[in-house]
Amino acid sequence: MEQLPQTQPEEPKKNSLLEGVEFGMGGIVIGITTFLLMLFVLNYFNIISLSLVFPKYFGFLP
């Protein structure tokens, strides 16, 4: 009988769970970044004013 080459065992569940958590955090970061970018773009085109969204921090902006 020929010996079959050793196949790589399935990924442990811990690793896939960690990857899922990391991907989730990355998704949250991307979402927040996109949201802020949209706010600044809309503000740039005067569609909305940032002072409406953040009156405390951007109250000094015209």
C-alpha atoms as a PDB file:
ATOM      1  CA  MET A   1       0.000   0.000   0.000  1.00  0.00           C
ATOM      2  CA  GLU A   2       1.341   3.394  -0.921  1.00  0.00           C
ATOM      3  CA  GLN A   3       1.222   5.968   1.832  1.00  0.00           C
ATOM      4  CA  LEU A   4      -0.888   8.965   0.911  1.00  0.00           C
ATOM      5  CA  PRO A   5       0.693  12.360   1.556  1.00  0.00           C
ATOM      6  CA  GLN A   6      -0.431  13.876   4.822  1.00  0.00           C
ATOM      7  CA  THR A   7      -3.245  16.303   4.161  1.00  0.00           C
ATOM      8  CA  GLN A   8      -3.542  19.482   6.131  1.00  0.00           C
ATOM      9  CA  PRO A   9      -6.176  19.091   8.849  1.00  0.00           C
ATOM     10  CA  GLU A  10      -9.211  21.349   8.825  1.00  0.00           C
ATOM     11  CA  GLU A  11      -8.743  24.785  10.335  1.00  0.00           C
ATOM     12  CA  PRO A  12      -9.579  24.786  14.025  1.00  0.00           C
ATOM     13  CA  LYS A  13     -12.752  26.648  14.919  1.00  0.00           C
ATOM     14  CA  LYS A  14     -10.799  29.084  17.089  1.00  0.00           C
ATOM     15  CA  ASN A  15      -8.946  30.502  14.093  1.00  0.00           C
ATOM     16  CA  SER A  16     -12.048  30.962  11.960  1.00  0.00           C
ATOM     17  CA  LEU A  17     -13.785  32.626  14.897  1.00  0.00           C
ATOM     18  CA  LEU A  18     -10.838  34.998  15.353  1.00  0.00           C
ATOM     19  CA  GLU A  19     -10.841  35.786  11.641  1.00  0.00           C
ATOM     20  CA  GLY A  20     -14.560  36.478  11.856  1.00  0.00           C
ATOM     21  CA  VAL A  21     -14.062  38.864  14.775  1.00  0.00           C
ATOM     22  CA  GLU A  22     -11.220  40.648  12.992  1.00  0.00           C
ATOM     23  CA  PHE A  23     -13.311  40.928   9.830  1.00  0.00           C
ATOM     24  CA  GLY A  24     -16.195  42.269  11.894  1.00  0.00           C
ATOM     25  CA  MET A  25     -13.994  44.930  13.473  1.00  0.00           C
ATOM     26  CA  GLY A  26     -12.630  45.833  10.049  1.00  0.00           C
ATOM     27  CA  GLY A  27     -16.162  46.140   8.723  1.00  0.00           C
ATOM     28  CA  ILE A  28     -17.103  48.442  11.593  1.00  0.00           C
ATOM     29  CA  VAL A  29     -14.030  50.624  10.980  1.00  0.00           C
ATOM     30  CA  ILE A  30     -14.756  50.763   7.236  1.00  0.00           C
ATOM     31  CA  GLY A  31     -18.386  51.634   7.940  1.00  0.00           C
ATOM     32  CA  ILE A  32     -17.523  54.476  10.314  1.00  0.00           C
ATOM     33  CA  THR A  33     -14.869  55.804   7.928  1.00  0.00           C
ATOM     34  CA  THR A  34     -17.308  55.713   5.013  1.00  0.00           C
ATOM     35  CA  PHE A  35     -19.959  57.444   7.122  1.00  0.00           C
ATOM     36  CA  LEU A  36     -17.582  60.251   8.134  1.00  0.00           C
ATOM     37  CA  LEU A  37     -16.329  60.601   4.558  1.00  0.00           C
ATOM     38  CA  MET A  38     -19.915  60.928   3.322  1.00  0.00           C
ATOM     39  CA  LEU A  39     -20.597  63.582   5.967  1.00  0.00           C
ATOM     40  CA  PHE A  40     -17.618  65.646   4.854  1.00  0.00           C
ATOM     41  CA  VAL A  41     -18.465  65.228   1.157  1.00  0.00           C
ATOM     42  CA  LEU A  42     -22.081  66.287   1.736  1.00  0.00           C
ATOM     43  CA  ASN A  43     -20.879  69.215   3.830  1.00  0.00           C
ATOM     44  CA  TYR A  44     -18.433  70.198   1.079  1.00  0.00           C
ATOM     45  CA  PHE A  45     -21.287  70.414  -1.419  1.00  0.00           C
ATOM     46  CA  ASN A  46     -23.426  72.252   1.168  1.00  0.00           C
ATOM     47  CA  ILE A  47     -26.085  69.518   1.125  1.00  0.00           C
ATOM     48  CA  ILE A  48     -25.922  69.280   4.901  1.00  0.00           C
ATOM     49  CA  SER A  49     -24.026  71.294   7.474  1.00  0.00           C
ATOM     50  CA  LEU A  50     -21.625  69.533   9.824  1.00  0.00           C
ATOM     51  CA  SER A  51     -22.774  71.827  12.607  1.00  0.00           C
ATOM     52  CA  LEU A  52     -26.176  70.129  12.370  1.00  0.00           C
ATOM     53  CA  VAL A  53     -24.586  66.757  13.086  1.00  0.00           C
ATOM     54  CA  PHE A  54     -21.868  67.825  15.528  1.00  0.00           C
ATOM     55  CA  PRO A  55     -22.939  71.209  16.911  1.00  0.00           C
ATOM     56  CA  LYS A  56     -20.475  71.023  19.826  1.00  0.00           C
ATOM     57  CA  TYR A  57     -17.357  70.205  17.825  1.00  0.00           C
ATOM     58  CA  PHE A  58     -18.075  72.036  14.580  1.00  0.00           C
ATOM     59  CA  GLY A  59     -20.009  74.989  15.948  1.00  0.00           C
ATOM     60  CA  PHE A  60     -17.155  77.307  14.962  1.00  0.00           C
ATOM     61  CA  LEU A  61     -17.398  76.332  11.296  1.00  0.00           C
ATOM     62  CA  PRO A  62     -19.310  78.736   9.024  1.00  0.00           C
END
